[in-house]
C-alpha atoms as a PDB file:
ATOM      1  CA  UNK A   1     -31.158  78.941 -77.990  1.00  0.00           C
ATOM      2  CA  UNK A   2     -32.469  75.214 -78.547  1.00  0.00           C
ATOM      3  CA  UNK A   3     -36.187  74.211 -78.958  1.00  0.00           C
ATOM      4  CA  UNK A   4     -37.095  72.775 -76.142  1.00  0.00           C
ATOM      5  CA  UNK A   5     -38.673  69.180 -76.656  1.00  0.00           C
ATOM      6  CA  UNK A   6     -40.923  66.232 -75.197  1.00  0.00           C
ATOM      7  CA  UNK A   7     -44.360  67.011 -73.721  1.00  0.00           C
ATOM      8  CA  UNK A   8     -44.237  70.230 -71.315  1.00  0.00           C
ATOM      9  CA  UNK A   9     -45.989  69.786 -68.450  1.00  0.00           C
ATOM     10  CA  UNK A  10     -47.292  72.973 -65.447  1.00  0.00           C
ATOM     11  CA  UNK A  11     -46.511  72.795 -62.435  1.00  0.00           C
ATOM     12  CA  UNK A  12     -48.692  74.959 -60.408  1.00  0.00           C
ATOM     13  CA  UNK A  13     -47.469  77.859 -58.293  1.00  0.00           C
ATOM     14  CA  UNK A  14     -46.375  77.279 -54.860  1.00  0.00           C
ATOM     15  CA  UNK A  15     -46.542  73.704 -55.311  1.00  0.00           C
ATOM     16  CA  UNK A  16     -44.236  70.682 -56.302  1.00  0.00           C
ATOM     17  CA  UNK A  17     -44.230  67.098 -58.156  1.00  0.00           C
ATOM     18  CA  UNK A  18     -42.068  64.341 -58.280  1.00  0.00           C
ATOM     19  CA  UNK A  19     -41.108  61.490 -61.033  1.00  0.00           C
ATOM     20  CA  UNK A  20     -38.905  58.694 -62.656  1.00  0.00           C
ATOM     21  CA  UNK A  21     -36.521  60.229 -64.796  1.00  0.00           C
ATOM     22  CA  UNK A  22     -34.076  57.225 -66.772  1.00  0.00           C
ATOM     23  CA  UNK A  23     -30.517  57.202 -67.745  1.00  0.00           C
ATOM     24  CA  UNK A  24     -30.057  59.393 -70.491  1.00  0.00           C
ATOM     25  CA  UNK A  25     -32.882  60.736 -70.510  1.00  0.00           C
ATOM     26  CA  UNK A  26     -33.116  65.300 -70.593  1.00  0.00           C
ATOM     27  CA  UNK A  27     -35.008  66.912 -68.356  1.00  0.00           C
ATOM     28  CA  UNK A  28     -35.679  70.655 -68.887  1.00  0.00           C
ATOM     29  CA  UNK A  29     -36.798  72.848 -66.526  1.00  0.00           C
ATOM     30  CA  UNK A  30     -38.852  76.057 -67.954  1.00  0.00           C
ATOM     31  CA  UNK A  31     -39.353  79.303 -66.405  1.00  0.00           C
ATOM     32  CA  UNK A  32     -42.709  80.511 -68.519  1.00  0.00           C
ATOM     33  CA  UNK A  33     -43.319  83.766 -67.063  1.00  0.00           C
ATOM     34  CA  UNK A  34     -39.414  84.661 -65.865  1.00  0.00           C
ATOM     35  CA  UNK A  35     -38.001  85.354 -62.278  1.00  0.00           C
ATOM     36  CA  UNK A  36     -39.335  81.899 -60.710  1.00  0.00           C
ATOM     37  CA  UNK A  37     -37.338  79.493 -59.178  1.00  0.00           C
ATOM     38  CA  UNK A  38     -37.569  75.762 -58.983  1.00  0.00           C
ATOM     39  CA  UNK A  39     -35.992  73.631 -56.274  1.00  0.00           C
ATOM     40  CA  UNK A  40     -35.038  70.378 -57.799  1.00  0.00           C
ATOM     41  CA  UNK A  41     -33.878  67.026 -55.975  1.00  0.00           C
ATOM     42  CA  UNK A  42     -32.914  63.828 -57.084  1.00  0.00           C
ATOM     43  CA  UNK A  43     -32.195  60.350 -55.614  1.00  0.00           C
ATOM     44  CA  UNK A  44     -30.547  57.470 -57.239  1.00  0.00           C
ATOM     45  CA  UNK A  45     -34.019  55.532 -58.369  1.00  0.00           C
ATOM     46  CA  UNK A  46     -32.430  51.680 -56.582  1.00  0.00           C
ATOM     47  CA  UNK A  47     -31.317  53.392 -53.721  1.00  0.00           C
ATOM     48  CA  UNK A  48     -32.488  56.434 -52.270  1.00  0.00           C
ATOM     49  CA  UNK A  49     -29.543  56.637 -49.941  1.00  0.00           C
ATOM     50  CA  UNK A  50     -27.500  57.959 -52.690  1.00  0.00           C
ATOM     51  CA  UNK A  51     -28.877  61.320 -52.553  1.00  0.00           C
ATOM     52  CA  UNK A  52     -27.983  65.124 -54.712  1.00  0.00           C
ATOM     53  CA  UNK A  53     -25.234  66.621 -52.449  1.00  0.00           C
ATOM     54  CA  UNK A  54     -24.549  70.064 -52.794  1.00  0.00           C
ATOM     55  CA  UNK A  55     -21.678  69.670 -50.665  1.00  0.00           C
ATOM     56  CA  UNK A  56     -19.794  67.578 -53.203  1.00  0.00           C
ATOM     57  CA  UNK A  57     -20.763  68.859 -56.161  1.00  0.00           C
ATOM     58  CA  UNK A  58     -19.459  72.475 -55.621  1.00  0.00           C
ATOM     59  CA  UNK A  59     -16.619  70.935 -53.667  1.00  0.00           C
ATOM     60  CA  UNK A  60     -15.433  69.313 -57.001  1.00  0.00           C
ATOM     61  CA  UNK A  61     -16.533  72.261 -59.074  1.00  0.00           C
ATOM     62  CA  UNK A  62     -14.319  74.832 -56.333  1.00  0.00           C
ATOM     63  CA  UNK A  63     -17.186  77.422 -57.688  1.00  0.00           C
ATOM     64  CA  UNK A  64     -20.351  78.273 -56.527  1.00  0.00           C
ATOM     65  CA  UNK A  65     -22.253  79.194 -59.932  1.00  0.00           C
ATOM     66  CA  UNK A  66     -22.594  76.811 -61.867  1.00  0.00           C
ATOM     67  CA  UNK A  67     -23.677  76.084 -65.566  1.00  0.00           C
ATOM     68  CA  UNK A  68     -23.176  73.766 -68.685  1.00  0.00           C
ATOM     69  CA  UNK A  69     -20.737  71.261 -68.270  1.00  0.00           C
ATOM     70  CA  UNK A  70     -21.016  71.249 -64.989  1.00  0.00           C
ATOM     71  CA  UNK A  71     -22.216  67.635 -63.104  1.00  0.00           C
ATOM     72  CA  UNK A  72     -24.538  67.369 -59.974  1.00  0.00           C
ATOM     73  CA  UNK A  73     -22.605  65.060 -57.705  1.00  0.00           C
ATOM     74  CA  UNK A  74     -24.420  62.321 -54.849  1.00  0.00           C
ATOM     75  CA  UNK A  75     -23.198  62.033 -51.566  1.00  0.00           C
ATOM     76  CA  UNK A  76     -21.154  58.938 -52.987  1.00  0.00           C
ATOM     77  CA  UNK A  77     -19.407  61.190 -55.543  1.00  0.00           C
ATOM     78  CA  UNK A  78     -21.227  60.146 -58.484  1.00  0.00           C
ATOM     79  CA  UNK A  79     -22.184  62.306 -60.886  1.00  0.00           C
ATOM     80  CA  UNK A  80     -26.366  62.142 -60.915  1.00  0.00           C
ATOM     81  CA  UNK A  81     -27.143  64.836 -63.151  1.00  0.00           C
ATOM     82  CA  UNK A  82     -25.383  66.934 -66.166  1.00  0.00           C
ATOM     83  CA  UNK A  83     -26.339  70.753 -67.195  1.00  0.00           C
ATOM     84  CA  UNK A  84     -26.292  70.879 -70.796  1.00  0.00           C
ATOM     85  CA  UNK A  85     -27.781  73.753 -71.360  1.00  0.00           C
ATOM     86  CA  UNK A  86     -28.675  76.947 -69.679  1.00  0.00           C
ATOM     87  CA  UNK A  87     -29.927  79.688 -71.349  1.00  0.00           C
ATOM     88  CA  UNK A  88     -29.649  82.097 -67.754  1.00  0.00           C
ATOM     89  CA  UNK A  89     -25.995  80.967 -66.175  1.00  0.00           C
ATOM     90  CA  UNK A  90     -27.028  81.674 -62.237  1.00  0.00           C
ATOM     91  CA  UNK A  91     -28.851  79.074 -60.064  1.00  0.00           C
ATOM     92  CA  UNK A  92     -27.888  78.465 -56.250  1.00  0.00           C
ATOM     93  CA  UNK A  93     -26.798  75.250 -54.917  1.00  0.00           C
ATOM     94  CA  UNK A  94     -26.069  76.660 -51.094  1.00  0.00           C
ATOM     95  CA  UNK A  95     -29.783  77.567 -49.792  1.00  0.00           C
ATOM     96  CA  UNK A  96     -32.454  74.670 -48.518  1.00  0.00           C
ATOM     97  CA  UNK A  97     -35.352  74.125 -49.685  1.00  0.00           C
ATOM     98  CA  UNK A  98     -38.301  76.685 -47.958  1.00  0.00           C
ATOM     99  CA  UNK A  99     -40.643  75.476 -45.069  1.00  0.00           C
ATOM    100  CA  UNK A 100     -42.886  76.774 -42.664  1.00  0.00           C
ATOM    101  CA  UNK A 101     -39.769  76.921 -40.616  1.00  0.00           C
ATOM    102  CA  UNK A 102     -38.939  79.348 -43.340  1.00  0.00           C
ATOM    103  CA  UNK A 103     -42.090  81.402 -43.086  1.00  0.00           C
ATOM    104  CA  UNK A 104     -41.741  81.365 -39.467  1.00  0.00           C
ATOM    105  CA  UNK A 105     -38.354  82.462 -38.829  1.00  0.00           C
ATOM    106  CA  UNK A 106     -37.080  84.621 -41.668  1.00  0.00           C
ATOM    107  CA  UNK A 107     -41.134  85.701 -42.456  1.00  0.00           C
ATOM    108  CA  UNK A 108     -42.759  86.191 -39.263  1.00  0.00           C
ATOM    109  CA  UNK A 109     -45.636  84.244 -40.733  1.00  0.00           C
ATOM    110  CA  UNK A 110     -48.160  83.536 -38.136  1.00  0.00           C
ATOM    111  CA  UNK A 111     -49.637  81.065 -40.222  1.00  0.00           C
ATOM    112  CA  UNK A 112     -46.744  79.624 -42.508  1.00  0.00           C
ATOM    113  CA  UNK A 113     -47.390  77.894 -46.071  1.00  0.00           C
ATOM    114  CA  UNK A 114     -45.458  74.420 -46.124  1.00  0.00           C
ATOM    115  CA  UNK A 115     -43.103  75.602 -48.440  1.00  0.00           C
ATOM    116  CA  UNK A 116     -41.046  73.932 -51.019  1.00  0.00           C
ATOM    117  CA  UNK A 117     -40.239  71.422 -48.436  1.00  0.00           C
ATOM    118  CA  UNK A 118     -43.306  70.014 -47.734  1.00  0.00           C
ATOM    119  CA  UNK A 119     -43.994  70.284 -51.213  1.00  0.00           C
ATOM    120  CA  UNK A 120     -41.148  68.126 -52.103  1.00  0.00           C
ATOM    121  CA  UNK A 121     -41.765  65.919 -49.038  1.00  0.00           C
ATOM    122  CA  UNK A 122     -45.604  64.980 -49.419  1.00  0.00           C
ATOM    123  CA  UNK A 123     -44.703  64.660 -53.773  1.00  0.00           C
ATOM    124  CA  UNK A 124     -42.099  62.215 -52.691  1.00  0.00           C
ATOM    125  CA  UNK A 125     -43.569  60.181 -50.118  1.00  0.00           C
ATOM    126  CA  UNK A 126     -44.761  57.604 -52.721  1.00  0.00           C
ATOM    127  CA  UNK A 127     -41.402  56.661 -53.744  1.00  0.00           C
ATOM    128  CA  UNK A 128     -40.675  56.239 -49.860  1.00  0.00           C
ATOM    129  CA  UNK A 129     -38.908  59.222 -49.269  1.00  0.00           C
ATOM    130  CA  UNK A 130     -39.485  60.691 -45.995  1.00  0.00           C
ATOM    131  CA  UNK A 131     -39.087  64.155 -45.209  1.00  0.00           C
ATOM    132  CA  UNK A 132     -35.710  63.974 -42.744  1.00  0.00           C
ATOM    133  CA  UNK A 133     -33.979  62.646 -46.187  1.00  0.00           C
ATOM    134  CA  UNK A 134     -34.725  65.545 -48.533  1.00  0.00           C
ATOM    135  CA  UNK A 135     -31.196  67.099 -49.036  1.00  0.00           C
ATOM    136  CA  UNK A 136     -30.118  70.800 -49.765  1.00  0.00           C
ATOM    137  CA  UNK A 137     -32.406  71.114 -53.800  1.00  0.00           C
ATOM    138  CA  UNK A 138     -29.957  72.823 -56.863  1.00  0.00           C
ATOM    139  CA  UNK A 139     -32.345  75.937 -57.033  1.00  0.00           C
ATOM    140  CA  UNK A 140     -33.205  76.419 -60.686  1.00  0.00           C
ATOM    141  CA  UNK A 141     -32.777  80.798 -61.377  1.00  0.00           C
ATOM    142  CA  UNK A 142     -32.263  81.147 -58.275  1.00  0.00           C
ATOM    143  CA  UNK A 143     -29.824  84.869 -57.715  1.00  0.00           C
ATOM    144  CA  UNK A 144     -27.885  84.295 -54.320  1.00  0.00           C
ATOM    145  CA  UNK A 145     -25.690  87.125 -54.034  1.00  0.00           C
ATOM    146  CA  UNK A 146     -22.477  86.802 -52.121  1.00  0.00           C
ATOM    147  CA  UNK A 147     -20.328  89.827 -50.365  1.00  0.00           C
ATOM    148  CA  UNK A 148     -17.057  88.830 -50.939  1.00  0.00           C
ATOM    149  CA  UNK A 149     -16.281  90.650 -47.762  1.00  0.00           C
ATOM    150  CA  UNK A 150     -18.322  89.630 -44.951  1.00  0.00           C
ATOM    151  CA  UNK A 151     -19.710  86.565 -46.613  1.00  0.00           C
ATOM    152  CA  UNK A 152     -23.418  87.644 -46.327  1.00  0.00           C
ATOM    153  CA  UNK A 153     -25.764  86.135 -48.345  1.00  0.00           C
ATOM    154  CA  UNK A 154     -28.741  88.341 -50.489  1.00  0.00           C
ATOM    155  CA  UNK A 155     -31.489  86.597 -52.336  1.00  0.00           C
ATOM    156  CA  UNK A 156     -31.666  88.826 -55.774  1.00  0.00           C
ATOM    157  CA  UNK A 157     -34.492  88.447 -57.965  1.00  0.00           C
ATOM    158  CA  UNK A 158     -33.975  86.074 -60.633  1.00  0.00           C
ATOM    159  CA  UNK A 159     -31.958  86.907 -63.595  1.00  0.00           C
ATOM    160  CA  UNK A 160     -34.393  84.211 -65.968  1.00  0.00           C
ATOM    161  CA  UNK A 161     -37.319  85.838 -68.292  1.00  0.00           C
ATOM    162  CA  UNK A 162     -39.871  84.608 -69.175  1.00  0.00           C
ATOM    163  CA  UNK A 163     -38.749  80.723 -71.571  1.00  0.00           C
ATOM    164  CA  UNK A 164     -35.385  80.636 -69.920  1.00  0.00           C
ATOM    165  CA  UNK A 165     -34.614  77.254 -69.470  1.00  0.00           C
ATOM    166  CA  UNK A 166     -32.435  74.665 -68.011  1.00  0.00           C
ATOM    167  CA  UNK A 167     -31.630  71.198 -69.082  1.00  0.00           C
ATOM    168  CA  UNK A 168     -29.704  68.280 -66.985  1.00  0.00           C
ATOM    169  CA  UNK A 169     -28.830  64.947 -68.980  1.00  0.00           C
ATOM    170  CA  UNK A 170     -29.182  62.061 -66.307  1.00  0.00           C
ATOM    171  CA  UNK A 171     -26.580  59.848 -65.904  1.00  0.00           C
ATOM    172  CA  UNK A 172     -28.340  57.728 -63.213  1.00  0.00           C
ATOM    173  CA  UNK A 173     -32.132  56.448 -63.002  1.00  0.00           C
ATOM    174  CA  UNK A 174     -33.530  58.837 -60.778  1.00  0.00           C
ATOM    175  CA  UNK A 175     -36.482  59.872 -58.756  1.00  0.00           C
ATOM    176  CA  UNK A 176     -36.788  63.674 -58.974  1.00  0.00           C
ATOM    177  CA  UNK A 177     -38.572  66.293 -56.660  1.00  0.00           C
ATOM    178  CA  UNK A 178     -39.275  69.800 -58.526  1.00  0.00           C
ATOM    179  CA  UNK A 179     -41.350  72.913 -57.460  1.00  0.00           C
ATOM    180  CA  UNK A 180     -42.563  76.218 -58.119  1.00  0.00           C
ATOM    181  CA  UNK A 181     -40.720  77.988 -55.520  1.00  0.00           C
ATOM    182  CA  UNK A 182     -42.954  79.573 -52.777  1.00  0.00           C
ATOM    183  CA  UNK A 183     -40.938  82.338 -51.062  1.00  0.00           C
ATOM    184  CA  UNK A 184     -41.538  85.695 -51.834  1.00  0.00           C
ATOM    185  CA  UNK A 185     -37.821  86.174 -51.441  1.00  0.00           C
ATOM    186  CA  UNK A 186     -36.885  84.409 -54.016  1.00  0.00           C
ATOM    187  CA  UNK A 187     -39.220  84.826 -56.937  1.00  0.00           C
ATOM    188  CA  UNK A 188     -39.077  88.611 -56.472  1.00  0.00           C
ATOM    189  CA  UNK A 189     -42.307  88.863 -54.495  1.00  0.00           C
ATOM    190  CA  UNK A 190     -44.754  87.089 -56.198  1.00  0.00           C
ATOM    191  CA  UNK A 191     -45.366  83.241 -57.376  1.00  0.00           C
ATOM    192  CA  UNK A 192     -45.686  82.067 -60.874  1.00  0.00           C
ATOM    193  CA  UNK A 193     -45.509  78.918 -62.413  1.00  0.00           C
ATOM    194  CA  UNK A 194     -42.281  76.286 -63.200  1.00  0.00           C
ATOM    195  CA  UNK A 195     -42.569  73.821 -65.873  1.00  0.00           C
ATOM    196  CA  UNK A 196     -40.836  70.813 -67.194  1.00  0.00           C
ATOM    197  CA  UNK A 197     -40.381  68.396 -70.135  1.00  0.00           C
ATOM    198  CA  UNK A 198     -38.667  64.882 -70.595  1.00  0.00           C
ATOM    199  CA  UNK A 199     -37.204  64.121 -73.670  1.00  0.00           C
ATOM    200  CA  UNK A 200     -37.065  60.254 -73.384  1.00  0.00           C
ATOM    201  CA  UNK A 201     -34.316  59.537 -76.579  1.00  0.00           C
ATOM    202  CA  UNK A 202     -30.943  58.154 -75.181  1.00  0.00           C
ATOM    203  CA  UNK A 203     -28.138  61.194 -75.286  1.00  0.00           C
ATOM    204  CA  UNK A 204     -24.561  60.846 -74.370  1.00  0.00           C
ATOM    205  CA  UNK A 205     -22.929  64.280 -73.220  1.00  0.00           C
ATOM    206  CA  UNK A 206     -19.413  65.002 -75.156  1.00  0.00           C
END
């Protein structure tokens, strides 16, 4: 396992943030406590209509579970990020960020939390990104099982343990949204922080 480099920033439980990531820089998402999901979004910094795409990425990969070497594509079929380190090996790119409606519909919560969708929308607003532009996120460490016969989805506890991490190489200048997921089911019933670091040394992936 590689050593995480760069200044480490912590995202509080059930909250989110947004920041710039330059082409050639590496973003490492860290699960410090274990069994905690982080929703990740990416937008082209110079054209916010270009955004990370679950559909394009999974179509081109021809599989659901992405790991080292796999690119994450935009809605315009350009590579935005590439996974270069992964100590877990199980992540999700199917399910949308949890929201007030998630907690109302799935959990029956009469006073729902704004969820990852609300946290991402708030964090991305200063960059000029409106809520309706928030797509399906790449859900770091999320463990979604799929029944091969019925297609039923089950959200299982993440396989990540304390200190596990996932590192992405930026293939273009990006605006990144990142959360410490707010959904109980995704995080085995508890809410924990997520940490991240940015390595500004310029890297090439081979």
